Amino acid sequence: MHPRRLLGVFTLCLAALWGASAHAAPKTSFNICWTIYAGWMPWDYAQARGIVAKWAKKYGIAIQVTQLNDYVESLNQYTAGQFDGCTMTNMDALTVPAAGGVDSTALIAGSYSNGNDGIVLKGAGKTLKDLKGQNVHLVQFSVSHYLLARGLDAAGLRERDLKVVNTSDADIAGAFATPKVQAVVTWNPQLATVAATPGATKVFDSSQVPGEIIDLLVVNTATLKDNPALGKALTGAWYEVMATMQARDSAALTQMAKASGTTLANYQAQLATTAMLYTPAEALAFVTSPKLPETMKKVAQFSFDKGLLGQGARSADAIGVGFPGSANGNAKNTKLRFDASYLQLAVDGKL
């Protein structure tokens, strides 16, 4: 048979299979991954205390929440379809799954960095301008890179004035402990470790660009649409833990601190530089604010400038980003969506 004819038959067979799968029962077992960060420790607590299981059971589904050790690897595994959801920042949601063609929904905006990400120098370096000529270690193309760009803008510098050295988040504290590494950009808990190094100075942090580095739980849009129970269960579980944290439950916070490898005092210090959106009403106001689309425009422009929106991207608007009642970018290529519907259910007490 002619190859093209064979391809046509194969395509028809696939179409038939897809048609059949469209009428199949919705998926009921889900996997979510997370990595250690102050604003994401509640997921470990929710899993360990059976809170996720309780909410999943309420909606007739099963949810497994798994910790991964490397943040970038968690993004890659989610994008590859090995997980149904993953904790990530707004920029990484745009530049990894969305840029990779995976339509994703920001289900929960749990917090934003308000000092949890920072630029640290040691030795003679005491100001942002001292970055000039330095090798700066960070997770390349992550929010650390974005924060560096914002800091350089404030100092009247450009990235060409220094050299970026790609370093895993798991290795960055160890690297800073060596004599040859003088400058790093990182997030907590690594930030707390490097900032405490004798002779170190934190010269810029995310509190100077509030609301721009957002800590999300992102889920696959098609999976969520297929079974909205996933969104309801995850949202319900999250805000149950948020109520516990807002009440300053010492046992809960101690468990989160231990799981992140630090003390209660250190974890509370990290939370002090994390703007937690403890209530669904706070998160709803944040997601529906006109500031969010403006923030994502800045993020998209940085991402385009760094070539992170894909080879075919001709502008910062190449990828559409949806918001409640508005959108940025190419509406025909919407791959990231900030959803407010599940937050509204939580606000209305309908979960």
C-alpha atoms as a PDB file:
ATOM      1  CA  MET A   1       0.000   0.000   0.000  1.00  0.00           C
ATOM      2  CA  HIS A   2       1.232   3.523  -0.779  1.00  0.00           C
ATOM      3  CA  PRO A   3       2.741   5.173   2.312  1.00  0.00           C
ATOM      4  CA  ARG A   4       0.359   8.134   2.153  1.00  0.00           C
ATOM      5  CA  ARG A   5      -2.616   5.819   1.791  1.00  0.00           C
ATOM      6  CA  LEU A   6      -1.346   3.867   4.793  1.00  0.00           C
ATOM      7  CA  LEU A   7      -1.047   7.091   6.750  1.00  0.00           C
ATOM      8  CA  GLY A   8      -4.635   7.936   5.852  1.00  0.00           C
ATOM      9  CA  VAL A   9      -5.909   4.591   7.131  1.00  0.00           C
ATOM     10  CA  PHE A  10      -3.876   4.996  10.303  1.00  0.00           C
ATOM     11  CA  THR A  11      -5.310   8.485  10.810  1.00  0.00           C
ATOM     12  CA  LEU A  12      -8.854   7.164  10.387  1.00  0.00           C
ATOM     13  CA  CYS A  13      -8.161   4.456  12.954  1.00  0.00           C
ATOM     14  CA  LEU A  14      -6.816   7.050  15.394  1.00  0.00           C
ATOM     15  CA  ALA A  15      -9.868   9.226  14.803  1.00  0.00           C
ATOM     16  CA  ALA A  16     -12.104   6.301  15.622  1.00  0.00           C
ATOM     17  CA  LEU A  17     -10.162   5.609  18.801  1.00  0.00           C
ATOM     18  CA  TRP A  18     -10.292   9.259  19.824  1.00  0.00           C
ATOM     19  CA  GLY A  19     -13.995   9.321  19.184  1.00  0.00           C
ATOM     20  CA  ALA A  20     -14.465   6.282  21.366  1.00  0.00           C
ATOM     21  CA  SER A  21     -12.299   7.719  24.140  1.00  0.00           C
ATOM     22  CA  ALA A  22     -14.333  10.919  24.101  1.00  0.00           C
ATOM     23  CA  HIS A  23     -17.272   8.915  25.437  1.00  0.00           C
ATOM     24  CA  ALA A  24     -15.201   7.013  27.985  1.00  0.00           C
ATOM     25  CA  ALA A  25     -15.713   7.531  31.708  1.00  0.00           C
ATOM     26  CA  PRO A  26     -13.760  10.490  33.131  1.00  0.00           C
ATOM     27  CA  LYS A  27     -10.419   9.846  34.750  1.00  0.00           C
ATOM     28  CA  THR A  28     -10.771   9.425  38.520  1.00  0.00           C
ATOM     29  CA  SER A  29      -7.190   8.908  39.731  1.00  0.00           C
ATOM     30  CA  PHE A  30      -4.773  11.827  39.648  1.00  0.00           C
ATOM     31  CA  ASN A  31      -1.152  12.644  40.481  1.00  0.00           C
ATOM     32  CA  ILE A  32       0.110  16.035  41.618  1.00  0.00           C
ATOM     33  CA  CYS A  33       3.776  16.934  42.182  1.00  0.00           C
ATOM     34  CA  TRP A  34       5.406  19.654  44.256  1.00  0.00           C
ATOM     35  CA  THR A  35       8.868  20.799  45.322  1.00  0.00           C
ATOM     36  CA  ILE A  36      10.115  22.326  48.547  1.00  0.00           C
ATOM     37  CA  TYR A  37       9.289  26.014  48.898  1.00  0.00           C
ATOM     38  CA  ALA A  38       7.686  27.915  51.782  1.00  0.00           C
ATOM     39  CA  GLY A  39       4.453  28.550  49.905  1.00  0.00           C
ATOM     40  CA  TRP A  40       4.093  24.942  48.741  1.00  0.00           C
ATOM     41  CA  MET A  41       4.757  23.116  52.015  1.00  0.00           C
ATOM     42  CA  PRO A  42       0.989  23.024  52.712  1.00  0.00           C
ATOM     43  CA  TRP A  43       0.677  20.361  50.002  1.00  0.00           C
ATOM     44  CA  ASP A  44       2.944  18.027  51.948  1.00  0.00           C
ATOM     45  CA  TYR A  45       0.926  18.641  55.104  1.00  0.00           C
ATOM     46  CA  ALA A  46      -2.362  18.115  53.262  1.00  0.00           C
ATOM     47  CA  GLN A  47      -1.135  14.804  51.889  1.00  0.00           C
ATOM     48  CA  ALA A  48       0.421  13.573  55.137  1.00  0.00           C
ATOM     49  CA  ARG A  49      -2.600  14.473  57.277  1.00  0.00           C
ATOM     50  CA  GLY A  50      -5.099  12.853  54.940  1.00  0.00           C
ATOM     51  CA  ILE A  51      -6.722  16.152  53.992  1.00  0.00           C
ATOM     52  CA  VAL A  52      -6.233  15.593  50.264  1.00  0.00           C
ATOM     53  CA  ALA A  53      -7.587  12.047  50.580  1.00  0.00           C
ATOM     54  CA  LYS A  54     -10.635  13.295  52.484  1.00  0.00           C
ATOM     55  CA  TRP A  55     -11.548  15.872  49.855  1.00  0.00           C
ATOM     56  CA  ALA A  56     -10.827  13.456  47.025  1.00  0.00           C
ATOM     57  CA  LYS A  57     -13.133  10.879  48.603  1.00  0.00           C
ATOM     58  CA  LYS A  58     -15.870  13.497  48.883  1.00  0.00           C
ATOM     59  CA  TYR A  59     -15.826  13.827  45.094  1.00  0.00           C
ATOM     60  CA  GLY A  60     -15.333  10.139  44.321  1.00  0.00           C
ATOM     61  CA  ILE A  61     -11.757  10.430  43.067  1.00  0.00           C
ATOM     62  CA  ALA A  62      -8.214   9.600  44.241  1.00  0.00           C
ATOM     63  CA  ILE A  63      -5.340  12.105  44.374  1.00  0.00           C
ATOM     64  CA  GLN A  64      -1.706  11.332  45.129  1.00  0.00           C
ATOM     65  CA  VAL A  65       0.559  14.265  46.011  1.00  0.00           C
ATOM     66  CA  THR A  66       4.253  13.554  45.413  1.00  0.00           C
ATOM     67  CA  GLN A  67       7.359  15.546  46.318  1.00  0.00           C
ATOM     68  CA  LEU A  68      10.094  15.822  43.684  1.00  0.00           C
ATOM     69  CA  ASN A  69      13.576  16.975  44.611  1.00  0.00           C
ATOM     70  CA  ASP A  70      14.377  19.140  41.595  1.00  0.00           C
ATOM     71  CA  TYR A  71      12.103  22.022  40.606  1.00  0.00           C
ATOM     72  CA  VAL A  72      13.013  22.103  36.916  1.00  0.00           C
ATOM     73  CA  GLU A  73      12.550  18.346  36.690  1.00  0.00           C
ATOM     74  CA  SER A  74       9.066  18.702  38.182  1.00  0.00           C
ATOM     75  CA  LEU A  75       8.134  21.153  35.419  1.00  0.00           C
ATOM     76  CA  ASN A  76       9.489  18.810  32.771  1.00  0.00           C
ATOM     77  CA  GLN A  77       7.662  15.786  34.147  1.00  0.00           C
ATOM     78  CA  TYR A  78       4.371  17.688  34.320  1.00  0.00           C
ATOM     79  CA  THR A  79       4.826  18.950  30.773  1.00  0.00           C
ATOM     80  CA  ALA A  80       5.568  15.404  29.611  1.00  0.00           C
ATOM     81  CA  GLY A  81       2.254  14.259  31.069  1.00  0.00           C
ATOM     82  CA  GLN A  82       3.631  12.264  33.978  1.00  0.00           C
ATOM     83  CA  PHE A  83       1.639  14.390  36.442  1.00  0.00           C
ATOM     84  CA  ASP A  84      -1.807  15.969  36.213  1.00  0.00           C
ATOM     85  CA  GLY A  85      -0.741  19.019  38.185  1.00  0.00           C
ATOM     86  CA  CYS A  86       2.385  20.674  39.525  1.00  0.00           C
ATOM     87  CA  THR A  87       3.427  23.590  41.725  1.00  0.00           C
ATOM     88  CA  MET A  88       5.198  26.291  39.740  1.00  0.00           C
ATOM     89  CA  THR A  89       5.531  30.028  39.347  1.00  0.00           C
ATOM     90  CA  ASN A  90       3.587  32.101  36.849  1.00  0.00           C
ATOM     91  CA  MET A  91       6.608  32.613  34.624  1.00  0.00           C
ATOM     92  CA  ASP A  92       7.512  28.960  34.546  1.00  0.00           C
ATOM     93  CA  ALA A  93       3.900  28.051  33.781  1.00  0.00           C
ATOM     94  CA  LEU A  94       4.185  30.246  30.688  1.00  0.00           C
ATOM     95  CA  THR A  95       7.659  29.216  29.535  1.00  0.00           C
ATOM     96  CA  VAL A  96       7.577  25.463  30.152  1.00  0.00           C
ATOM     97  CA  PRO A  97       4.178  23.763  29.778  1.00  0.00           C
ATOM     98  CA  ALA A  98       2.433  26.597  27.916  1.00  0.00           C
ATOM     99  CA  ALA A  99       5.379  27.191  25.577  1.00  0.00           C
ATOM    100  CA  GLY A 100       5.595  23.427  25.161  1.00  0.00           C
ATOM    101  CA  GLY A 101       2.025  23.332  23.879  1.00  0.00           C
ATOM    102  CA  VAL A 102       0.425  21.941  27.053  1.00  0.00           C
ATOM    103  CA  ASP A 103      -2.771  23.867  27.818  1.00  0.00           C
ATOM    104  CA  SER A 104      -2.600  24.504  31.563  1.00  0.00           C
ATOM    105  CA  THR A 105      -4.838  26.104  34.177  1.00  0.00           C
ATOM    106  CA  ALA A 106      -3.588  28.038  37.191  1.00  0.00           C
ATOM    107  CA  LEU A 107      -6.068  26.531  39.619  1.00  0.00           C
ATOM    108  CA  ILE A 108      -4.776  28.075  42.856  1.00  0.00           C
ATOM    109  CA  ALA A 109      -2.742  31.246  43.271  1.00  0.00           C
ATOM    110  CA  GLY A 110      -1.605  30.416  46.777  1.00  0.00           C
ATOM    111  CA  SER A 111       0.878  33.194  47.421  1.00  0.00           C
ATOM    112  CA  TYR A 112       3.387  35.506  45.879  1.00  0.00           C
ATOM    113  CA  SER A 113       6.987  36.105  46.728  1.00  0.00           C
ATOM    114  CA  ASN A 114       7.434  39.167  48.912  1.00  0.00           C
ATOM    115  CA  GLY A 115      11.106  38.758  49.726  1.00  0.00           C
ATOM    116  CA  ASN A 116      11.337  34.992  49.265  1.00  0.00           C
ATOM    117  CA  ASP A 117      13.497  35.403  46.155  1.00  0.00           C
ATOM    118  CA  GLY A 118      16.677  37.428  46.302  1.00  0.00           C
ATOM    119  CA  ILE A 119      20.081  38.377  44.940  1.00  0.00           C
ATOM    120  CA  VAL A 120      22.963  37.806  47.336  1.00  0.00           C
ATOM    121  CA  LEU A 121      26.596  38.920  47.073  1.00  0.00           C
ATOM    122  CA  LYS A 122      29.503  38.216  49.363  1.00  0.00           C
ATOM    123  CA  GLY A 123      32.877  39.777  49.884  1.00  0.00           C
ATOM    124  CA  ALA A 124      33.249  43.336  48.610  1.00  0.00           C
ATOM    125  CA  GLY A 125      29.878  43.346  46.810  1.00  0.00           C
ATOM    126  CA  LYS A 126      27.317  45.385  48.742  1.00  0.00           C
ATOM    127  CA  THR A 127      24.980  46.835  46.099  1.00  0.00           C
ATOM    128  CA  LEU A 128      23.263  45.840  42.862  1.00  0.00           C
ATOM    129  CA  LYS A 129      25.851  47.799  40.881  1.00  0.00           C
ATOM    130  CA  ASP A 130      28.503  45.425  42.249  1.00  0.00           C
ATOM    131  CA  LEU A 131      27.030  42.691  40.051  1.00  0.00           C
ATOM    132  CA  LYS A 132      28.944  44.220  37.153  1.00  0.00           C
ATOM    133  CA  GLY A 133      31.631  41.826  35.951  1.00  0.00           C
ATOM    134  CA  GLN A 134      30.490  39.023  38.250  1.00  0.00           C
ATOM    135  CA  ASN A 135      29.620  35.408  37.520  1.00  0.00           C
ATOM    136  CA  VAL A 136      26.051  35.150  38.827  1.00  0.00           C
ATOM    137  CA  HIS A 137      24.805  31.651  39.674  1.00  0.00           C
ATOM    138  CA  LEU A 138      21.091  30.930  39.283  1.00  0.00           C
ATOM    139  CA  VAL A 139      18.591  28.558  37.714  1.00  0.00           C
ATOM    140  CA  GLN A 140      18.744  29.911  34.171  1.00  0.00           C
ATOM    141  CA  PHE A 141      15.446  31.106  32.664  1.00  0.00           C
ATOM    142  CA  SER A 142      13.623  30.636  35.977  1.00  0.00           C
ATOM    143  CA  VAL A 143      12.027  33.341  38.128  1.00  0.00           C
ATOM    144  CA  SER A 144      15.504  33.903  39.573  1.00  0.00           C
ATOM    145  CA  HIS A 145      16.603  35.003  36.103  1.00  0.00           C
ATOM    146  CA  TYR A 146      13.527  37.241  35.875  1.00  0.00           C
ATOM    147  CA  LEU A 147      14.326  38.764  39.286  1.00  0.00           C
ATOM    148  CA  LEU A 148      17.890  39.400  38.143  1.00  0.00           C
ATOM    149  CA  ALA A 149      16.571  41.244  35.087  1.00  0.00           C
ATOM    150  CA  ARG A 150      14.314  43.403  37.272  1.00  0.00           C
ATOM    151  CA  GLY A 151      17.231  44.128  39.591  1.00  0.00           C
ATOM    152  CA  LEU A 152      19.530  45.030  36.715  1.00  0.00           C
ATOM    153  CA  ASP A 153      16.891  47.444  35.422  1.00  0.00           C
ATOM    154  CA  ALA A 154      16.834  49.126  38.829  1.00  0.00           C
ATOM    155  CA  ALA A 155      20.635  49.413  38.822  1.00  0.00           C
ATOM    156  CA  GLY A 156      20.938  50.683  35.259  1.00  0.00           C
ATOM    157  CA  LEU A 157      22.783  47.522  34.199  1.00  0.00           C
ATOM    158  CA  ARG A 158      22.203  44.932  31.497  1.00  0.00           C
ATOM    159  CA  GLU A 159      22.809  41.197  31.472  1.00  0.00           C
ATOM    160  CA  ARG A 160      25.765  41.695  29.149  1.00  0.00           C
ATOM    161  CA  ASP A 161      27.479  43.436  32.081  1.00  0.00           C
ATOM    162  CA  LEU A 162      27.859  40.091  33.871  1.00  0.00           C
ATOM    163  CA  LYS A 163      27.862  36.354  33.221  1.00  0.00           C
ATOM    164  CA  VAL A 164      24.977  34.067  34.177  1.00  0.00           C
ATOM    165  CA  VAL A 165      26.027  30.588  35.338  1.00  0.00           C
ATOM    166  CA  ASN A 166      23.239  28.007  35.257  1.00  0.00           C
ATOM    167  CA  THR A 167      23.101  26.203  38.611  1.00  0.00           C
ATOM    168  CA  SER A 168      20.489  23.767  39.944  1.00  0.00           C
ATOM    169  CA  ASP A 169      18.403  24.987  42.877  1.00  0.00           C
ATOM    170  CA  ALA A 170      19.550  21.881  44.758  1.00  0.00           C
ATOM    171  CA  ASP A 171      23.224  22.893  44.290  1.00  0.00           C
ATOM    172  CA  ILE A 172      23.141  26.646  44.695  1.00  0.00           C
ATOM    173  CA  ALA A 173      23.681  26.863  48.470  1.00  0.00           C
ATOM    174  CA  GLY A 174      26.655  24.514  48.228  1.00  0.00           C
ATOM    175  CA  ALA A 175      28.100  26.535  45.374  1.00  0.00           C
ATOM    176  CA  PHE A 176      27.820  29.781  47.348  1.00  0.00           C
ATOM    177  CA  ALA A 177      29.740  28.165  50.196  1.00  0.00           C
ATOM    178  CA  THR A 178      32.793  27.828  47.931  1.00  0.00           C
ATOM    179  CA  PRO A 179      35.289  30.708  47.616  1.00  0.00           C
ATOM    180  CA  LYS A 180      34.923  31.110  43.860  1.00  0.00           C
ATOM    181  CA  VAL A 181      31.162  31.830  43.865  1.00  0.00           C
ATOM    182  CA  GLN A 182      30.480  35.430  44.862  1.00  0.00           C
ATOM    183  CA  ALA A 183      26.937  36.063  43.567  1.00  0.00           C
ATOM    184  CA  VAL A 184      23.736  34.016  43.449  1.00  0.00           C
ATOM    185  CA  VAL A 185      20.050  34.521  42.814  1.00  0.00           C
ATOM    186  CA  THR A 186      17.773  32.006  44.507  1.00  0.00           C
ATOM    187  CA  TRP A 187      14.604  31.388  46.518  1.00  0.00           C
ATOM    188  CA  ASN A 188      13.862  30.107  49.996  1.00  0.00           C
ATOM    189  CA  PRO A 189      14.879  27.980  51.782  1.00  0.00           C
ATOM    190  CA  GLN A 190      18.180  28.266  49.875  1.00  0.00           C
ATOM    191  CA  LEU A 191      17.983  32.071  50.061  1.00  0.00           C
ATOM    192  CA  ALA A 192      17.925  32.000  53.869  1.00  0.00           C
ATOM    193  CA  THR A 193      20.977  29.741  53.867  1.00  0.00           C
ATOM    194  CA  VAL A 194      23.083  31.849  51.513  1.00  0.00           C
ATOM    195  CA  ALA A 195      22.003  35.155  53.071  1.00  0.00           C
ATOM    196  CA  ALA A 196      23.217  33.878  56.458  1.00  0.00           C
ATOM    197  CA  THR A 197      26.717  33.250  55.100  1.00  0.00           C
ATOM    198  CA  PRO A 198      29.304  35.438  56.875  1.00  0.00           C
ATOM    199  CA  GLY A 199      30.110  38.432  54.712  1.00  0.00           C
ATOM    200  CA  ALA A 200      26.999  38.009  52.531  1.00  0.00           C
ATOM    201  CA  THR A 201      24.681  40.892  51.580  1.00  0.00           C
ATOM    202  CA  LYS A 202      21.203  40.584  50.083  1.00  0.00           C
ATOM    203  CA  VAL A 203      21.144  43.430  47.554  1.00  0.00           C
ATOM    204  CA  PHE A 204      17.699  42.948  45.973  1.00  0.00           C
ATOM    205  CA  ASP A 205      14.629  40.825  46.608  1.00  0.00           C
ATOM    206  CA  SER A 206      11.106  40.221  45.369  1.00  0.00           C
ATOM    207  CA  SER A 207       9.533  42.600  47.895  1.00  0.00           C
ATOM    208  CA  GLN A 208      10.741  45.313  45.532  1.00  0.00           C
ATOM    209  CA  VAL A 209       8.603  43.842  42.719  1.00  0.00           C
ATOM    210  CA  PRO A 210       5.572  42.638  44.745  1.00  0.00           C
ATOM    211  CA  GLY A 211       3.025  40.363  43.111  1.00  0.00           C
ATOM    212  CA  GLU A 212       5.217  39.533  40.115  1.00  0.00           C
ATOM    213  CA  ILE A 213       6.499  36.109  41.219  1.00  0.00           C
ATOM    214  CA  ILE A 214       3.346  34.112  41.894  1.00  0.00           C
ATOM    215  CA  ASP A 215       3.242  30.653  43.461  1.00  0.00           C
ATOM    216  CA  LEU A 216       0.679  28.501  41.686  1.00  0.00           C
ATOM    217  CA  LEU A 217      -0.800  25.057  41.529  1.00  0.00           C
ATOM    218  CA  VAL A 218      -1.172  24.375  37.817  1.00  0.00           C
ATOM    219  CA  VAL A 219      -3.237  21.521  36.383  1.00  0.00           C
ATOM    220  CA  ASN A 220      -3.736  20.181  32.891  1.00  0.00           C
ATOM    221  CA  THR A 221      -6.688  22.048  31.381  1.00  0.00           C
ATOM    222  CA  ALA A 222      -8.095  19.067  29.467  1.00  0.00           C
ATOM    223  CA  THR A 223      -7.858  16.847  32.562  1.00  0.00           C
ATOM    224  CA  LEU A 224      -9.618  19.464  34.679  1.00  0.00           C
ATOM    225  CA  LYS A 225     -12.338  19.964  32.096  1.00  0.00           C
ATOM    226  CA  ASP A 226     -12.844  16.206  31.823  1.00  0.00           C
ATOM    227  CA  ASN A 227     -13.391  15.883  35.577  1.00  0.00           C
ATOM    228  CA  PRO A 228     -13.957  19.145  37.497  1.00  0.00           C
ATOM    229  CA  ALA A 229     -13.988  17.099  40.705  1.00  0.00           C
ATOM    230  CA  LEU A 230     -10.187  17.387  40.616  1.00  0.00           C
ATOM    231  CA  GLY A 231     -10.378  21.173  40.876  1.00  0.00           C
ATOM    232  CA  LYS A 232     -12.990  21.075  43.625  1.00  0.00           C
ATOM    233  CA  ALA A 233     -11.086  18.565  45.755  1.00  0.00           C
ATOM    234  CA  LEU A 234      -7.732  20.337  45.421  1.00  0.00           C
ATOM    235  CA  THR A 235      -9.251  23.743  46.170  1.00  0.00           C
ATOM    236  CA  GLY A 236     -11.128  22.402  49.172  1.00  0.00           C
ATOM    237  CA  ALA A 237      -8.050  20.684  50.586  1.00  0.00           C
ATOM    238  CA  TRP A 238      -5.859  23.763  50.067  1.00  0.00           C
ATOM    239  CA  TYR A 239      -8.140  26.163  51.928  1.00  0.00           C
ATOM    240  CA  GLU A 240      -8.641  23.734  54.780  1.00  0.00           C
ATOM    241  CA  VAL A 241      -4.876  23.871  55.322  1.00  0.00           C
ATOM    242  CA  MET A 242      -4.850  27.652  54.820  1.00  0.00           C
ATOM    243  CA  ALA A 243      -7.345  28.051  57.659  1.00  0.00           C
ATOM    244  CA  THR A 244      -5.026  26.012  59.881  1.00  0.00           C
ATOM    245  CA  MET A 245      -2.033  28.151  58.924  1.00  0.00           C
ATOM    246  CA  GLN A 246      -3.895  31.415  59.334  1.00  0.00           C
ATOM    247  CA  ALA A 247      -4.792  30.284  62.869  1.00  0.00           C
ATOM    248  CA  ARG A 248      -1.014  29.886  63.448  1.00  0.00           C
ATOM    249  CA  ASP A 249      -1.375  26.223  64.367  1.00  0.00           C
ATOM    250  CA  SER A 250       2.067  25.490  65.826  1.00  0.00           C
ATOM    251  CA  ALA A 251       1.893  21.725  65.239  1.00  0.00           C
ATOM    252  CA  ALA A 252       0.987  22.178  61.570  1.00  0.00           C
ATOM    253  CA  LEU A 253       3.699  24.779  60.990  1.00  0.00           C
ATOM    254  CA  THR A 254       6.248  22.632  62.792  1.00  0.00           C
ATOM    255  CA  GLN A 255       5.408  19.689  60.533  1.00  0.00           C
ATOM    256  CA  MET A 256       5.801  21.867  57.441  1.00  0.00           C
ATOM    257  CA  ALA A 257       9.110  23.201  58.722  1.00  0.00           C
ATOM    258  CA  LYS A 258      10.428  19.711  59.389  1.00  0.00           C
ATOM    259  CA  ALA A 259       9.360  18.514  55.937  1.00  0.00           C
ATOM    260  CA  SER A 260      11.249  21.404  54.359  1.00  0.00           C
ATOM    261  CA  GLY A 261      14.375  20.570  56.356  1.00  0.00           C
ATOM    262  CA  THR A 262      14.374  23.575  58.644  1.00  0.00           C
ATOM    263  CA  THR A 263      13.261  24.762  62.076  1.00  0.00           C
ATOM    264  CA  LEU A 264       9.924  26.283  62.981  1.00  0.00           C
ATOM    265  CA  ALA A 265      11.564  29.666  63.504  1.00  0.00           C
ATOM    266  CA  ASN A 266      13.247  29.562  60.101  1.00  0.00           C
ATOM    267  CA  TYR A 267      10.067  28.457  58.383  1.00  0.00           C
ATOM    268  CA  GLN A 268       8.119  31.259  60.030  1.00  0.00           C
ATOM    269  CA  ALA A 269      10.803  33.664  58.796  1.00  0.00           C
ATOM    270  CA  GLN A 270      10.242  32.349  55.260  1.00  0.00           C
ATOM    271  CA  LEU A 271       6.495  32.798  55.617  1.00  0.00           C
ATOM    272  CA  ALA A 272       7.130  36.388  56.679  1.00  0.00           C
ATOM    273  CA  THR A 273       8.532  37.034  53.184  1.00  0.00           C
ATOM    274  CA  THR A 274       5.739  35.105  51.472  1.00  0.00           C
ATOM    275  CA  ALA A 275       2.493  36.947  50.851  1.00  0.00           C
ATOM    276  CA  MET A 276       0.148  34.028  51.555  1.00  0.00           C
ATOM    277  CA  LEU A 277      -3.359  34.421  50.164  1.00  0.00           C
ATOM    278  CA  TYR A 278      -4.933  32.575  53.073  1.00  0.00           C
ATOM    279  CA  THR A 279      -8.577  32.902  52.080  1.00  0.00           C
ATOM    280  CA  PRO A 280     -10.315  32.125  48.790  1.00  0.00           C
ATOM    281  CA  ALA A 281     -11.609  35.703  48.815  1.00  0.00           C
ATOM    282  CA  GLU A 282      -8.027  37.050  48.869  1.00  0.00           C
ATOM    283  CA  ALA A 283      -6.998  34.724  46.048  1.00  0.00           C
ATOM    284  CA  LEU A 284     -10.092  35.634  44.035  1.00  0.00           C
ATOM    285  CA  ALA A 285      -9.337  39.332  44.381  1.00  0.00           C
ATOM    286  CA  PHE A 286      -5.742  38.719  43.293  1.00  0.00           C
ATOM    287  CA  VAL A 287      -6.679  36.637  40.236  1.00  0.00           C
ATOM    288  CA  THR A 288      -9.363  39.094  39.099  1.00  0.00           C
ATOM    289  CA  SER A 289      -7.225  42.191  39.669  1.00  0.00           C
ATOM    290  CA  PRO A 290      -6.299  44.238  36.565  1.00  0.00           C
ATOM    291  CA  LYS A 291      -2.700  44.105  37.821  1.00  0.00           C
ATOM    292  CA  LEU A 292      -2.362  40.395  36.977  1.00  0.00           C
ATOM    293  CA  PRO A 293      -2.612  40.828  33.176  1.00  0.00           C
ATOM    294  CA  GLU A 294      -0.086  43.675  33.405  1.00  0.00           C
ATOM    295  CA  THR A 295       2.304  41.470  35.380  1.00  0.00           C
ATOM    296  CA  MET A 296       1.966  38.684  32.837  1.00  0.00           C
ATOM    297  CA  LYS A 297       2.768  41.140  30.034  1.00  0.00           C
ATOM    298  CA  LYS A 298       6.099  41.902  31.746  1.00  0.00           C
ATOM    299  CA  VAL A 299       6.742  38.206  32.238  1.00  0.00           C
ATOM    300  CA  ALA A 300       5.875  37.427  28.611  1.00  0.00           C
ATOM    301  CA  GLN A 301       8.192  40.162  27.335  1.00  0.00           C
ATOM    302  CA  PHE A 302      11.103  38.887  29.440  1.00  0.00           C
ATOM    303  CA  SER A 303      10.380  35.344  28.305  1.00  0.00           C
ATOM    304  CA  PHE A 304      10.274  36.341  24.645  1.00  0.00           C
ATOM    305  CA  ASP A 305      13.510  38.298  24.969  1.00  0.00           C
ATOM    306  CA  LYS A 306      15.168  35.142  26.337  1.00  0.00           C
ATOM    307  CA  GLY A 307      13.727  32.937  23.588  1.00  0.00           C
ATOM    308  CA  LEU A 308      11.557  30.997  26.039  1.00  0.00           C
ATOM    309  CA  LEU A 309       8.248  31.128  24.170  1.00  0.00           C
ATOM    310  CA  GLY A 310       9.248  28.608  21.515  1.00  0.00           C
ATOM    311  CA  GLN A 311      11.072  28.780  18.203  1.00  0.00           C
ATOM    312  CA  GLY A 312       8.011  29.955  16.312  1.00  0.00           C
ATOM    313  CA  ALA A 313       7.281  32.866  18.656  1.00  0.00           C
ATOM    314  CA  ARG A 314       7.517  36.161  16.787  1.00  0.00           C
ATOM    315  CA  SER A 315       6.494  38.406  19.671  1.00  0.00           C
ATOM    316  CA  ALA A 316       5.736  38.414  23.383  1.00  0.00           C
ATOM    317  CA  ASP A 317       2.081  37.864  22.425  1.00  0.00           C
ATOM    318  CA  ALA A 318       2.732  34.472  20.817  1.00  0.00           C
ATOM    319  CA  ILE A 319       1.045  32.555  23.635  1.00  0.00           C
ATOM    320  CA  GLY A 320      -2.424  33.493  24.782  1.00  0.00           C
ATOM    321  CA  VAL A 321      -2.995  33.873  28.521  1.00  0.00           C
ATOM    322  CA  GLY A 322      -6.556  33.911  29.786  1.00  0.00           C
ATOM    323  CA  PHE A 323      -7.849  35.750  32.845  1.00  0.00           C
ATOM    324  CA  PRO A 324     -11.350  36.069  34.270  1.00  0.00           C
ATOM    325  CA  GLY A 325     -12.985  38.440  31.804  1.00  0.00           C
ATOM    326  CA  SER A 326      -9.885  39.303  29.753  1.00  0.00           C
ATOM    327  CA  ALA A 327      -6.894  37.876  27.902  1.00  0.00           C
ATOM    328  CA  ASN A 328      -3.363  38.661  26.746  1.00  0.00           C
ATOM    329  CA  GLY A 329      -1.635  37.509  23.608  1.00  0.00           C
ATOM    330  CA  ASN A 330      -2.810  35.220  20.831  1.00  0.00           C
ATOM    331  CA  ALA A 331      -6.359  34.085  21.590  1.00  0.00           C
ATOM    332  CA  LYS A 332      -5.987  31.279  19.027  1.00  0.00           C
ATOM    333  CA  ASN A 333      -3.042  29.890  20.983  1.00  0.00           C
ATOM    334  CA  THR A 334      -4.247  30.198  24.578  1.00  0.00           C
ATOM    335  CA  LYS A 335      -2.156  27.797  26.651  1.00  0.00           C
ATOM    336  CA  LEU A 336      -2.308  29.314  30.146  1.00  0.00           C
ATOM    337  CA  ARG A 337      -5.513  30.180  31.973  1.00  0.00           C
ATOM    338  CA  PHE A 338      -6.015  31.812  35.358  1.00  0.00           C
ATOM    339  CA  ASP A 339      -9.258  30.302  36.609  1.00  0.00           C
ATOM    340  CA  ALA A 340     -11.543  31.928  39.183  1.00  0.00           C
ATOM    341  CA  SER A 341     -14.481  29.520  39.112  1.00  0.00           C
ATOM    342  CA  TYR A 342     -13.205  27.139  41.803  1.00  0.00           C
ATOM    343  CA  LEU A 343     -12.182  30.065  44.014  1.00  0.00           C
ATOM    344  CA  GLN A 344     -15.690  31.446  43.622  1.00  0.00           C
ATOM    345  CA  LEU A 345     -17.155  28.117  44.747  1.00  0.00           C
ATOM    346  CA  ALA A 346     -14.918  28.268  47.824  1.00  0.00           C
ATOM    347  CA  VAL A 347     -15.941  31.880  48.533  1.00  0.00           C
ATOM    348  CA  ASP A 348     -19.604  30.931  48.206  1.00  0.00           C
ATOM    349  CA  GLY A 349     -19.194  27.912  50.496  1.00  0.00           C
ATOM    350  CA  LYS A 350     -20.224  25.527  47.723  1.00  0.00           C
ATOM    351  CA  LEU A 351     -17.303  23.103  47.773  1.00  0.00           C
END
